[in-house]
Amino acid sequence: MKIKLMQCTPRVGDLQGNSQLILDAVRAADEAGIDVLVFPELMITGYPPEDLLLRPSFMEAVVENTQNIIKQSQNAVLIFGAPRIDGKVLKNSAYLASNGQAIGVYDKQCLPNYGVFDELRYFAPGDGAQCVFEAHGWRLGVGICEDLWQDDLAEKQAELPCDVWINLNASPFHINKQHERELLTSRRAKAFAAPLVYVNPVGGQDEVVFDGGSHIMGADGGLLQRAPMFVDGAYTFDFAQVGAVDITPLPVEIEQIHQALVLGVKDYVLRNGSKQVVLGLSGGIDSALTAAIAVEALGAGNVLGVLLPSLYSSDHSIHDAEVLARNLGIESITLPIADSVSAFEQTLAATFAAWGKTLPDVTEENIQARARGVLLMAISNKTGRMLLTTGNKSEMAVGYATLYGDMAGGFAVLKDVYKMEVFALSRHLNRVHEIIPQNTLDKPPSAELRPDQKDSDSLPDYPVLDAILKASIEDRKNVEAIVAMGFESEQVRRIVRLLRLAEYKRRQSPPGIKITALAFGRDRRYPITHSFSQI
């Protein structure tokens, strides 16, 4: 058997474009003598199509495109994912076709309903009546994504003899996800006593990034082939060529995060009709890393940096921002905000005085951040550039960000990246030559909204803060369990309280790229208003 894995980039809702990808590959496969051609889960619609599935006109077009593809199938066995109308319900299905005829249909049995997945909202589970199909003398086992992860189902399927097991996926990236996948597929291949083919798409879709990593495991659980991560392409494997192995090495963890962020920015910006972006350059590490990622994703000519110095901006921060812009080769402009801030303060002075509220506090700090947001959004409106926000996950967790200020924008690149990972990524980018100025890496982080301000004035040192946050957010440990890890009780209680109080801010924040197993947004859905204090 010569099998081709289509690690491609379907776009959600682009039924015609996705169908054309399939038809082009069908013709190429026939010319190359391919026996089996495999596409990812829900290839026709892209993943996840969400409430598009509930529109009758959308599903009518899905059915039309699916039937057309089946009619144009050629000698190779074509396997592709599409939603299917089954009476009054929808199924998440894999179609098998060859020589213009449908060979069979498999309906996904295990519908994920956690994290970013909402499949029970749209689909009914399949009954598993048939999951092994006869085609051209082969017995092809077929499953879809989550089916492979459920032990009970896999044990039942392992009792069915097959020549190769094929799993269609739409599995988003998070740190170490590929390692988890390959441990699973190795175990399943041995249980099925057959090679296992795992096909996954590539590309950014809103918050999630699909990282590819398509691969084939031998019946002994050994890796036979691995396609590159984050790269679309067609990858052929011939089971007749014993010992022929094509295994692309996995990037190291920090490089996987780097590639996910670049791909996420590129696809979100371009697929939403923008070509250029704008962001504020503070001279700090978050805006520096965001700018560097944007340049990789879109090119230096499509990135505009805006310096927005206030009365409290240090000379070294302005200098660091200018050096960064030169290093990246991007255009930069400077818009001082002191006069704007003064105008706001004068307008509010009489009202605040009447209330006896004349001492400066966080209000005046937020006015500075919001003045910057107004200017950046004005540039975005006038030029059509998407505004990238630059805050990181550590700040978003504890509310160390200003609504309608530094949170204003269209896409939050570092929303799921903790502060210590921001430093690690920045050092990673500098491994060949300096991109992010060394002073930006070395100086204490500061919002520079009051004289001599440092982040450590308000927050624990970031190694401590990140460790507490990861324990609370990702491990779901309560206060007592985190304290038992060796952290100060009062400090833990304060951080957990800030995490809870900042929920209303996060609910209003722009979407951002998911890189962890539990990102803010669709992964983590807490009520804004609640009385449980031990989250």
Protein backbone atom coordinates (compact mmCIF):
# COMPACT_ATOMS: atom_id res chain seq x y z
CA MET A 1 0.00 0.00 0.00
CA LYS A 2 1.22 3.47 -0.93
CA ILE A 3 -0.54 6.00 1.27
CA LYS A 4 -0.48 9.80 1.11
CA LEU A 5 -1.10 11.94 4.21
CA MET A 6 -2.54 15.37 3.38
CA GLN A 7 -1.32 17.63 6.16
CA CYS A 8 -3.07 20.63 4.66
CA THR A 9 -4.57 23.98 5.68
CA PRO A 10 -8.35 24.00 5.33
CA ARG A 11 -10.06 27.29 6.13
CA VAL A 12 -13.23 27.37 8.19
CA GLY A 13 -16.21 28.07 5.96
CA ASP A 14 -14.27 28.00 2.69
CA LEU A 15 -16.20 25.06 1.29
CA GLN A 16 -15.19 25.66 -2.29
CA GLY A 17 -11.52 26.23 -1.50
CA ASN A 18 -11.31 23.21 0.79
CA SER A 19 -13.06 21.04 -1.79
CA GLN A 20 -10.64 22.19 -4.47
CA LEU A 21 -7.72 21.16 -2.25
CA ILE A 22 -9.17 17.67 -2.14
CA LEU A 23 -9.88 17.46 -5.88
CA ASP A 24 -6.40 18.71 -6.80
CA ALA A 25 -4.87 16.08 -4.53
CA VAL A 26 -7.11 13.36 -6.01
CA ARG A 27 -5.78 14.04 -9.50
CA ALA A 28 -2.17 14.19 -8.31
CA ALA A 29 -2.59 10.96 -6.35
CA ASP A 30 -3.91 9.08 -9.35
CA GLU A 31 -0.97 10.20 -11.46
CA ALA A 32 1.47 9.09 -8.72
CA GLY A 33 -0.10 5.68 -8.20
CA ILE A 34 -1.26 6.40 -4.66
CA ASP A 35 -3.49 3.70 -3.15
CA VAL A 36 -4.99 5.60 -0.19
CA LEU A 37 -5.32 9.37 0.16
CA VAL A 38 -6.21 10.70 3.62
CA PHE A 39 -7.37 14.17 4.71
CA PRO A 40 -8.03 15.56 8.22
CA GLU A 41 -11.25 15.67 10.23
CA LEU A 42 -14.00 17.98 8.89
CA MET A 43 -11.82 18.81 5.91
CA ILE A 44 -14.74 20.21 3.92
CA THR A 45 -15.70 22.82 6.50
CA GLY A 46 -12.45 23.40 8.36
CA TYR A 47 -12.33 22.97 12.13
CA PRO A 48 -14.15 24.10 14.19
CA PRO A 49 -17.08 25.34 12.07
CA GLU A 50 -19.10 26.11 15.22
CA ASP A 51 -22.55 27.60 14.62
CA LEU A 52 -22.09 27.67 10.87
CA LEU A 53 -23.28 24.07 11.17
CA LEU A 54 -26.67 25.32 12.37
CA ARG A 55 -27.35 27.32 9.20
CA PRO A 56 -29.36 25.32 6.65
CA SER A 57 -27.71 27.07 3.70
CA PHE A 58 -24.28 26.10 5.00
CA MET A 59 -25.17 22.43 5.35
CA GLU A 60 -26.83 22.42 1.92
CA ALA A 61 -23.53 23.62 0.46
CA VAL A 62 -21.61 21.01 2.48
CA VAL A 63 -23.77 18.22 1.08
CA GLU A 64 -23.34 19.52 -2.47
CA ASN A 65 -19.56 19.72 -2.17
CA THR A 66 -19.31 16.31 -0.52
CA GLN A 67 -21.31 14.63 -3.27
CA ASN A 68 -19.24 16.36 -5.95
CA ILE A 69 -15.99 15.14 -4.39
CA ILE A 70 -17.24 11.57 -4.19
CA LYS A 71 -18.27 11.69 -7.88
CA GLN A 72 -14.80 12.91 -8.86
CA SER A 73 -12.88 10.36 -6.79
CA GLN A 74 -10.51 8.21 -8.84
CA ASN A 75 -8.74 4.91 -8.28
CA ALA A 76 -7.12 5.82 -4.96
CA VAL A 77 -9.26 5.29 -1.89
CA LEU A 78 -10.11 8.81 -0.78
CA ILE A 79 -10.84 9.38 2.92
CA PHE A 80 -11.90 12.84 4.07
CA GLY A 81 -13.88 14.43 6.90
CA ALA A 82 -17.19 16.28 6.56
CA PRO A 83 -20.34 16.87 8.61
CA ARG A 84 -23.22 14.63 7.56
CA ILE A 85 -26.98 15.08 7.85
CA ASP A 86 -28.47 11.90 9.32
CA GLY A 87 -32.21 12.38 9.62
CA LYS A 88 -32.70 15.22 12.10
CA VAL A 89 -29.16 15.21 13.50
CA LEU A 90 -25.65 15.93 12.31
CA LYS A 91 -22.76 13.51 12.46
CA ASN A 92 -19.04 14.24 12.37
CA SER A 93 -18.14 11.80 9.60
CA ALA A 94 -15.35 10.32 7.52
CA TYR A 95 -16.27 9.50 3.93
CA LEU A 96 -14.52 6.79 1.90
CA ALA A 97 -14.78 6.98 -1.90
CA SER A 98 -13.13 5.53 -5.00
CA ASN A 99 -13.86 5.60 -8.75
CA GLY A 100 -16.78 7.95 -8.33
CA GLN A 101 -18.55 5.83 -5.73
CA ALA A 102 -18.99 5.99 -1.97
CA ILE A 103 -17.35 3.00 -0.28
CA GLY A 104 -18.56 3.80 3.21
CA VAL A 105 -19.10 6.36 5.94
CA TYR A 106 -17.82 6.29 9.50
CA ASP A 107 -19.41 8.52 12.16
CA LYS A 108 -17.31 9.77 15.07
CA GLN A 109 -18.41 8.06 18.26
CA CYS A 110 -16.62 10.03 20.99
CA LEU A 111 -17.52 13.72 20.82
CA PRO A 112 -15.21 15.93 22.92
CA ASN A 113 -16.97 18.51 25.03
CA TYR A 114 -14.15 20.07 27.05
CA GLY A 115 -11.55 22.80 26.59
CA VAL A 116 -11.94 24.35 23.15
CA PHE A 117 -14.26 21.55 21.98
CA ASP A 118 -18.07 21.84 21.84
CA GLU A 119 -18.97 18.92 19.60
CA LEU A 120 -21.99 17.81 21.63
CA ARG A 121 -23.55 21.16 20.78
CA TYR A 122 -23.63 20.19 17.12
CA PHE A 123 -23.25 16.45 16.57
CA ALA A 124 -24.83 13.20 17.64
CA PRO A 125 -22.41 10.32 18.27
CA GLY A 126 -22.08 7.52 15.77
CA ASP A 127 -23.18 4.00 16.70
CA GLY A 128 -19.96 2.33 15.57
CA ALA A 129 -21.89 -0.11 13.38
CA GLN A 130 -18.98 -0.18 10.95
CA CYS A 131 -15.45 1.10 11.35
CA VAL A 132 -13.54 -1.36 9.12
CA PHE A 133 -14.11 -1.08 5.38
CA GLU A 134 -13.08 -3.35 2.50
CA ALA A 135 -11.45 -1.46 -0.38
CA HIS A 136 -9.25 -2.78 -3.20
CA GLY A 137 -8.48 -5.88 -1.16
CA TRP A 138 -7.50 -4.01 2.01
CA ARG A 139 -9.25 -3.83 5.34
CA LEU A 140 -9.14 -0.16 6.38
CA GLY A 141 -9.98 0.73 9.96
CA VAL A 142 -11.23 4.31 10.36
CA GLY A 143 -11.58 6.54 13.41
CA ILE A 144 -11.84 10.26 14.06
CA CYS A 145 -9.69 12.15 16.56
CA GLU A 146 -11.20 11.67 20.06
CA ASP A 147 -12.17 8.08 19.25
CA LEU A 148 -8.50 7.17 19.52
CA TRP A 149 -8.18 8.61 23.03
CA GLN A 150 -10.99 6.57 24.60
CA ASP A 151 -9.71 3.27 25.98
CA ASP A 152 -13.08 1.48 26.04
CA LEU A 153 -13.76 2.21 22.37
CA ALA A 154 -10.20 1.41 21.32
CA GLU A 155 -10.37 -1.96 23.07
CA LYS A 156 -13.52 -2.87 21.13
CA GLN A 157 -12.02 -1.71 17.83
CA ALA A 158 -8.82 -3.66 18.50
CA GLU A 159 -10.86 -6.87 18.26
CA LEU A 160 -11.60 -6.12 14.59
CA PRO A 161 -8.92 -7.35 12.16
CA CYS A 162 -7.60 -4.71 9.78
CA ASP A 163 -4.56 -4.10 7.58
CA VAL A 164 -4.09 -0.46 8.58
CA TRP A 165 -5.88 1.87 10.99
CA ILE A 166 -6.49 5.43 9.80
CA ASN A 167 -7.32 8.26 12.18
CA LEU A 168 -8.53 11.66 10.91
CA ASN A 169 -7.80 14.53 13.30
CA ALA A 170 -8.23 18.20 14.04
CA SER A 171 -6.00 18.33 17.10
CA PRO A 172 -4.85 21.78 18.29
CA PHE A 173 -1.36 22.48 19.54
CA HIS A 174 -0.33 22.84 23.11
CA ILE A 175 3.05 22.33 24.71
CA ASN A 176 4.15 18.66 24.50
CA LYS A 177 0.99 17.68 22.57
CA GLN A 178 2.91 15.83 19.85
CA HIS A 179 4.71 13.74 22.46
CA GLU A 180 1.33 12.82 23.97
CA ARG A 181 -0.06 11.91 20.55
CA GLU A 182 2.81 9.63 19.65
CA LEU A 183 2.74 7.82 22.99
CA LEU A 184 -0.95 7.16 22.34
CA THR A 185 -0.64 6.09 18.70
CA SER A 186 2.24 3.76 19.54
CA ARG A 187 0.12 2.06 22.18
CA ARG A 188 -2.89 1.83 19.89
CA ALA A 189 -0.91 0.45 16.93
CA LYS A 190 0.36 -2.39 19.08
CA ALA A 191 -3.15 -3.09 20.37
CA PHE A 192 -4.62 -3.05 16.84
CA ALA A 193 -1.73 -5.23 15.58
CA ALA A 194 -1.67 -2.97 12.50
CA PRO A 195 0.07 0.20 11.32
CA LEU A 196 -1.69 3.36 12.49
CA VAL A 197 -1.93 6.46 10.29
CA TYR A 198 -2.53 9.79 12.06
CA VAL A 199 -3.39 12.82 9.89
CA ASN A 200 -3.65 16.34 11.34
CA PRO A 201 -4.06 19.78 9.69
CA VAL A 202 -1.89 22.89 9.91
CA GLY A 203 -2.91 26.49 10.46
CA GLY A 204 -4.27 29.07 12.87
CA GLN A 205 -8.01 29.34 13.56
CA ASP A 206 -8.94 32.09 16.01
CA GLU A 207 -7.34 31.05 19.33
CA VAL A 208 -6.11 27.61 18.29
CA VAL A 209 -3.20 26.56 16.12
CA PHE A 210 -3.13 23.22 14.33
CA ASP A 211 0.45 22.03 14.28
CA GLY A 212 0.39 19.06 11.91
CA GLY A 213 2.66 16.35 13.24
CA SER A 214 0.97 13.75 11.04
CA HIS A 215 2.68 10.39 11.42
CA ILE A 216 2.57 6.63 10.94
CA MET A 217 3.23 4.03 13.63
CA GLY A 218 4.17 0.47 12.73
CA ALA A 219 2.25 -2.49 14.13
CA ASP A 220 5.06 -2.91 16.67
CA GLY A 221 4.50 0.65 17.95
CA GLY A 222 7.62 2.01 16.27
CA LEU A 223 7.54 5.34 14.44
CA LEU A 224 7.73 4.89 10.66
CA GLN A 225 7.12 8.45 9.49
CA ARG A 226 6.60 11.92 10.94
CA ALA A 227 5.69 14.96 8.88
CA PRO A 228 7.16 18.32 9.91
CA MET A 229 5.27 20.29 12.51
CA PHE A 230 3.69 23.62 11.48
CA VAL A 231 4.32 22.95 7.77
CA ASP A 232 1.61 22.00 5.31
CA GLY A 233 2.36 19.40 2.68
CA ALA A 234 1.62 15.98 1.22
CA TYR A 235 3.62 13.10 2.67
CA THR A 236 3.76 9.66 1.02
CA PHE A 237 4.65 6.38 2.67
CA ASP A 238 5.05 3.06 0.85
CA PHE A 239 4.55 0.07 3.14
CA ALA A 240 6.23 -2.12 0.50
CA GLN A 241 9.57 -0.41 1.08
CA VAL A 242 10.65 -2.20 4.22
CA GLY A 243 12.92 -0.10 6.36
CA ALA A 244 12.16 3.13 4.51
CA VAL A 245 11.79 5.69 7.26
CA ASP A 246 11.11 9.40 6.94
CA ILE A 247 11.07 10.92 10.41
CA THR A 248 11.34 14.68 10.75
CA PRO A 249 12.85 15.55 14.15
CA LEU A 250 10.59 17.34 16.61
CA PRO A 251 11.56 20.93 17.36
CA VAL A 252 12.54 21.59 20.96
CA GLU A 253 9.72 22.81 23.20
CA ILE A 254 10.61 26.52 23.07
CA GLU A 255 10.85 26.38 19.26
CA GLN A 256 7.44 24.71 19.06
CA ILE A 257 5.96 27.61 21.04
CA HIS A 258 7.78 30.06 18.80
CA GLN A 259 6.44 28.45 15.62
CA ALA A 260 2.91 28.25 17.02
CA LEU A 261 2.90 31.97 17.81
CA VAL A 262 4.22 32.94 14.39
CA LEU A 263 1.70 30.74 12.59
CA GLY A 264 -1.13 31.92 14.82
CA VAL A 265 -0.42 35.59 14.09
CA LYS A 266 0.04 35.03 10.37
CA ASP A 267 -3.21 33.15 9.84
CA TYR A 268 -5.34 35.28 12.15
CA VAL A 269 -4.25 38.55 10.56
CA LEU A 270 -4.31 37.42 6.94
CA ARG A 271 -7.46 35.31 7.15
CA ASN A 272 -9.35 38.22 8.66
CA GLY A 273 -8.55 40.44 5.72
CA SER A 274 -5.66 42.43 7.16
CA LYS A 275 -2.13 42.51 5.84
CA GLN A 276 -0.51 44.92 8.27
CA VAL A 277 -0.40 45.41 12.01
CA VAL A 278 0.41 48.14 14.51
CA LEU A 279 1.53 47.82 18.12
CA GLY A 280 2.87 49.99 20.90
CA LEU A 281 6.59 49.73 21.64
CA SER A 282 7.34 50.45 25.29
CA GLY A 283 10.94 49.33 25.39
CA GLY A 284 9.79 46.36 27.48
CA ILE A 285 10.17 42.70 26.73
CA ASP A 286 6.51 41.93 25.98
CA SER A 287 6.15 44.46 23.19
CA ALA A 288 9.60 43.55 21.88
CA LEU A 289 8.72 39.85 21.59
CA THR A 290 5.32 40.64 20.07
CA ALA A 291 6.96 42.84 17.43
CA ALA A 292 9.56 40.19 16.60
CA ILE A 293 6.87 37.53 16.16
CA ALA A 294 4.80 39.88 13.99
CA VAL A 295 7.78 40.52 11.72
CA GLU A 296 8.36 36.79 11.27
CA ALA A 297 4.69 36.24 10.54
CA LEU A 298 4.01 39.17 8.22
CA GLY A 299 7.31 40.74 7.16
CA ALA A 300 8.99 43.88 8.49
CA GLY A 301 7.25 46.11 5.95
CA ASN A 302 3.87 45.19 7.39
CA VAL A 303 4.61 46.04 11.03
CA LEU A 304 4.37 49.56 12.47
CA GLY A 305 5.73 50.27 15.94
CA VAL A 306 4.47 53.26 17.90
CA LEU A 307 6.45 54.76 20.78
CA LEU A 308 4.09 56.43 23.26
CA PRO A 309 6.33 58.01 25.93
CA SER A 310 4.79 59.61 29.02
CA LEU A 311 6.28 61.80 31.73
CA TYR A 312 7.45 58.60 33.45
CA SER A 313 9.01 56.85 30.48
CA SER A 314 12.70 56.36 31.07
CA ASP A 315 15.30 57.36 28.51
CA HIS A 316 16.53 53.78 28.32
CA SER A 317 13.03 52.49 27.50
CA ILE A 318 12.71 54.91 24.59
CA HIS A 319 16.21 54.00 23.44
CA ASP A 320 15.50 50.25 23.73
CA ALA A 321 12.33 50.63 21.64
CA GLU A 322 14.25 52.53 18.96
CA VAL A 323 17.01 49.90 18.90
CA LEU A 324 14.40 47.14 18.59
CA ALA A 325 12.75 48.87 15.63
CA ARG A 326 16.13 49.16 13.91
CA ASN A 327 17.00 45.53 14.64
CA LEU A 328 13.70 44.39 13.15
CA GLY A 329 13.79 46.82 10.25
CA ILE A 330 10.27 48.11 10.97
CA GLU A 331 8.85 51.59 10.63
CA SER A 332 8.34 53.40 13.92
CA ILE A 333 6.76 56.67 14.95
CA THR A 334 6.68 58.55 18.26
CA LEU A 335 3.50 60.05 19.75
CA PRO A 336 4.12 61.53 23.22
CA ILE A 337 1.07 61.23 25.46
CA ALA A 338 1.87 63.83 28.15
CA ASP A 339 -0.41 66.52 26.67
CA SER A 340 -3.27 64.05 26.15
CA VAL A 341 -2.99 62.79 29.72
CA SER A 342 -2.86 66.35 31.03
CA ALA A 343 -6.03 67.21 29.12
CA PHE A 344 -7.88 64.25 30.63
CA GLU A 345 -6.68 65.14 34.12
CA GLN A 346 -7.72 68.80 33.74
CA THR A 347 -11.15 67.76 32.50
CA LEU A 348 -11.62 65.51 35.54
CA ALA A 349 -9.94 67.77 38.13
CA ALA A 350 -13.02 69.70 39.30
CA THR A 351 -15.14 66.56 39.56
CA PHE A 352 -12.51 64.68 41.52
CA ALA A 353 -11.97 67.69 43.80
CA ALA A 354 -15.69 67.90 44.54
CA TRP A 355 -15.53 64.33 45.73
CA GLY A 356 -12.40 64.97 47.78
CA LYS A 357 -10.44 62.61 45.51
CA THR A 358 -7.41 64.70 44.67
CA LEU A 359 -4.54 62.33 45.45
CA PRO A 360 -3.12 60.50 42.41
CA ASP A 361 -3.69 56.75 42.40
CA VAL A 362 -4.27 53.94 39.91
CA THR A 363 -6.83 56.14 38.17
CA GLU A 364 -4.13 58.42 36.80
CA GLU A 365 -2.02 55.39 35.84
CA ASN A 366 -4.93 53.96 33.87
CA ILE A 367 -5.53 57.27 32.12
CA GLN A 368 -2.03 56.97 30.67
CA ALA A 369 -2.67 53.43 29.45
CA ARG A 370 -6.03 54.46 27.98
CA ALA A 371 -4.53 57.47 26.25
CA ARG A 372 -2.15 55.08 24.53
CA GLY A 373 -5.06 52.83 23.63
CA VAL A 374 -6.96 55.73 22.05
CA LEU A 375 -4.00 56.67 19.87
CA LEU A 376 -3.22 53.13 18.81
CA MET A 377 -6.85 52.42 17.95
CA ALA A 378 -6.99 55.67 15.96
CA ILE A 379 -4.02 54.53 13.88
CA SER A 380 -5.68 51.13 13.44
CA ASN A 381 -8.93 52.75 12.30
CA LYS A 382 -7.26 55.18 9.94
CA THR A 383 -4.85 52.75 8.29
CA GLY A 384 -6.72 49.44 8.49
CA ARG A 385 -3.83 47.88 10.42
CA MET A 386 -4.84 45.33 13.05
CA LEU A 387 -3.75 46.40 16.53
CA LEU A 388 -1.80 43.71 18.38
CA THR A 389 -1.92 43.80 22.15
CA THR A 390 1.23 42.84 24.01
CA GLY A 391 0.19 41.62 27.48
CA ASN A 392 1.26 38.18 28.72
CA LYS A 393 -0.63 35.46 30.59
CA SER A 394 0.86 36.34 33.98
CA GLU A 395 -0.47 39.90 33.69
CA MET A 396 -3.83 38.79 32.34
CA ALA A 397 -4.18 36.31 35.20
CA VAL A 398 -3.87 38.88 37.97
CA GLY A 399 -5.45 41.83 36.16
CA TYR A 400 -2.18 43.72 35.72
CA ALA A 401 -3.60 45.29 32.57
CA THR A 402 -5.91 48.19 31.77
CA LEU A 403 -9.27 47.69 30.13
CA TYR A 404 -9.57 49.90 27.04
CA GLY A 405 -5.90 50.74 27.46
CA ASP A 406 -3.12 48.22 26.86
CA MET A 407 -5.84 45.56 26.45
CA ALA A 408 -7.36 47.40 23.46
CA GLY A 409 -6.79 45.69 20.14
CA GLY A 410 -7.68 42.91 17.74
CA PHE A 411 -5.37 40.05 18.74
CA ALA A 412 -3.44 39.22 21.90
CA VAL A 413 -0.29 37.42 20.76
CA LEU A 414 1.10 36.54 24.21
CA LYS A 415 -2.23 35.95 25.96
CA ASP A 416 -1.29 32.35 26.84
CA VAL A 417 2.45 32.92 27.40
CA TYR A 418 3.64 33.30 30.99
CA LYS A 419 6.19 36.00 31.76
CA MET A 420 9.07 33.58 32.30
CA GLU A 421 8.27 32.01 28.93
CA VAL A 422 8.39 35.50 27.40
CA PHE A 423 11.97 35.79 28.65
CA ALA A 424 12.81 32.28 27.42
CA LEU A 425 11.36 32.98 23.96
CA SER A 426 13.22 36.26 23.73
CA ARG A 427 16.53 34.60 24.56
CA HIS A 428 15.69 31.89 22.01
CA LEU A 429 15.18 34.52 19.30
CA ASN A 430 18.53 36.08 20.22
CA ARG A 431 20.46 32.80 19.97
CA VAL A 432 22.06 33.67 16.59
CA HIS A 433 22.24 37.45 16.80
CA GLU A 434 20.66 40.17 18.89
CA ILE A 435 17.08 40.97 17.90
CA ILE A 436 15.69 42.03 21.25
CA PRO A 437 18.08 44.50 22.93
CA GLN A 438 20.02 42.97 25.78
CA ASN A 439 19.02 45.83 28.07
CA THR A 440 15.38 44.91 27.49
CA LEU A 441 16.16 41.41 28.72
CA ASP A 442 18.22 42.58 31.69
CA LYS A 443 16.22 45.45 33.19
CA PRO A 444 13.49 44.91 35.81
CA PRO A 445 10.02 44.84 34.17
CA SER A 446 8.00 48.02 34.68
CA ALA A 447 4.77 49.55 33.41
CA GLU A 448 6.35 53.01 33.94
CA LEU A 449 3.07 54.63 34.95
CA ARG A 450 4.52 56.35 38.04
CA PRO A 451 8.03 57.38 39.14
CA ASP A 452 10.50 54.48 39.57
CA GLN A 453 7.72 51.90 39.23
CA LYS A 454 8.60 48.21 38.98
CA ASP A 455 6.30 45.22 38.48
CA SER A 456 7.76 43.74 41.67
CA ASP A 457 6.21 46.63 43.63
CA SER A 458 2.79 45.10 43.03
CA LEU A 459 3.49 41.47 42.21
CA PRO A 460 5.77 38.68 43.44
CA ASP A 461 8.87 38.02 41.38
CA TYR A 462 7.76 36.38 38.15
CA PRO A 463 9.26 32.92 38.83
CA VAL A 464 7.15 32.75 41.99
CA LEU A 465 4.07 34.32 40.40
CA ASP A 466 4.14 31.98 37.41
CA ALA A 467 4.55 28.91 39.58
CA ILE A 468 1.55 29.87 41.73
CA LEU A 469 -0.54 30.69 38.67
CA LYS A 470 0.28 27.44 36.90
CA ALA A 471 -0.62 25.47 40.01
CA SER A 472 -3.96 27.28 40.30
CA ILE A 473 -4.93 27.56 36.62
CA GLU A 474 -3.54 24.44 34.99
CA ASP A 475 -3.32 22.01 37.90
CA ARG A 476 -6.52 23.37 39.54
CA LYS A 477 -4.93 23.21 42.99
CA ASN A 478 -6.64 25.06 45.83
CA VAL A 479 -4.90 27.50 48.15
CA GLU A 480 -3.91 24.89 50.74
CA ALA A 481 -2.37 22.62 48.11
CA ILE A 482 -0.35 25.48 46.63
CA VAL A 483 0.86 26.56 50.07
CA ALA A 484 1.93 22.96 50.67
CA MET A 485 4.22 23.33 47.66
CA GLY A 486 6.29 25.78 49.74
CA PHE A 487 4.76 29.17 48.97
CA GLU A 488 3.74 31.76 51.57
CA SER A 489 0.08 31.45 52.53
CA GLU A 490 -0.72 35.17 52.40
CA GLN A 491 0.99 35.51 49.03
CA VAL A 492 -0.91 32.58 47.53
CA ARG A 493 -4.24 33.85 48.84
CA ARG A 494 -3.58 37.28 47.35
CA ILE A 495 -2.66 35.90 43.93
CA VAL A 496 -5.66 33.56 43.83
CA ARG A 497 -7.91 36.45 44.82
CA LEU A 498 -6.47 38.63 42.04
CA LEU A 499 -6.99 35.78 39.58
CA ARG A 500 -10.64 35.59 40.54
CA LEU A 501 -11.23 39.35 40.47
CA ALA A 502 -9.70 39.77 37.01
CA GLU A 503 -12.19 37.45 35.32
CA TYR A 504 -14.28 40.39 34.09
CA LYS A 505 -11.24 41.88 32.37
CA ARG A 506 -10.30 38.63 30.65
CA ARG A 507 -13.87 38.21 29.42
CA GLN A 508 -13.44 41.49 27.49
CA SER A 509 -9.95 40.82 26.18
CA PRO A 510 -9.10 40.11 22.53
CA PRO A 511 -8.63 36.51 21.42
CA GLY A 512 -5.09 35.17 21.69
CA ILE A 513 -3.06 32.13 20.70
CA LYS A 514 -3.49 28.98 22.77
CA ILE A 515 -0.19 27.27 23.61
CA THR A 516 -0.96 25.64 26.97
CA ALA A 517 -3.40 22.87 27.83
CA LEU A 518 -5.58 25.38 29.71
CA ALA A 519 -5.67 28.80 28.09
CA PHE A 520 -7.86 31.72 29.11
CA GLY A 521 -10.99 31.85 26.99
CA ARG A 522 -12.76 28.73 25.81
CA ASP A 523 -10.50 26.41 27.82
CA ARG A 524 -11.21 28.11 31.14
CA ARG A 525 -14.80 29.29 31.62
CA TYR A 526 -15.42 30.66 35.09
CA PRO A 527 -18.36 32.89 36.03
CA ILE A 528 -17.50 36.51 36.62
CA THR A 529 -19.92 36.68 39.55
CA HIS A 530 -19.58 33.87 42.09
CA SER A 531 -18.88 33.29 45.78
CA PHE A 532 -16.47 30.35 45.77
CA SER A 533 -13.18 31.71 47.05
CA GLN A 534 -10.92 28.68 46.66
CA ILE A 535 -10.43 28.60 42.88
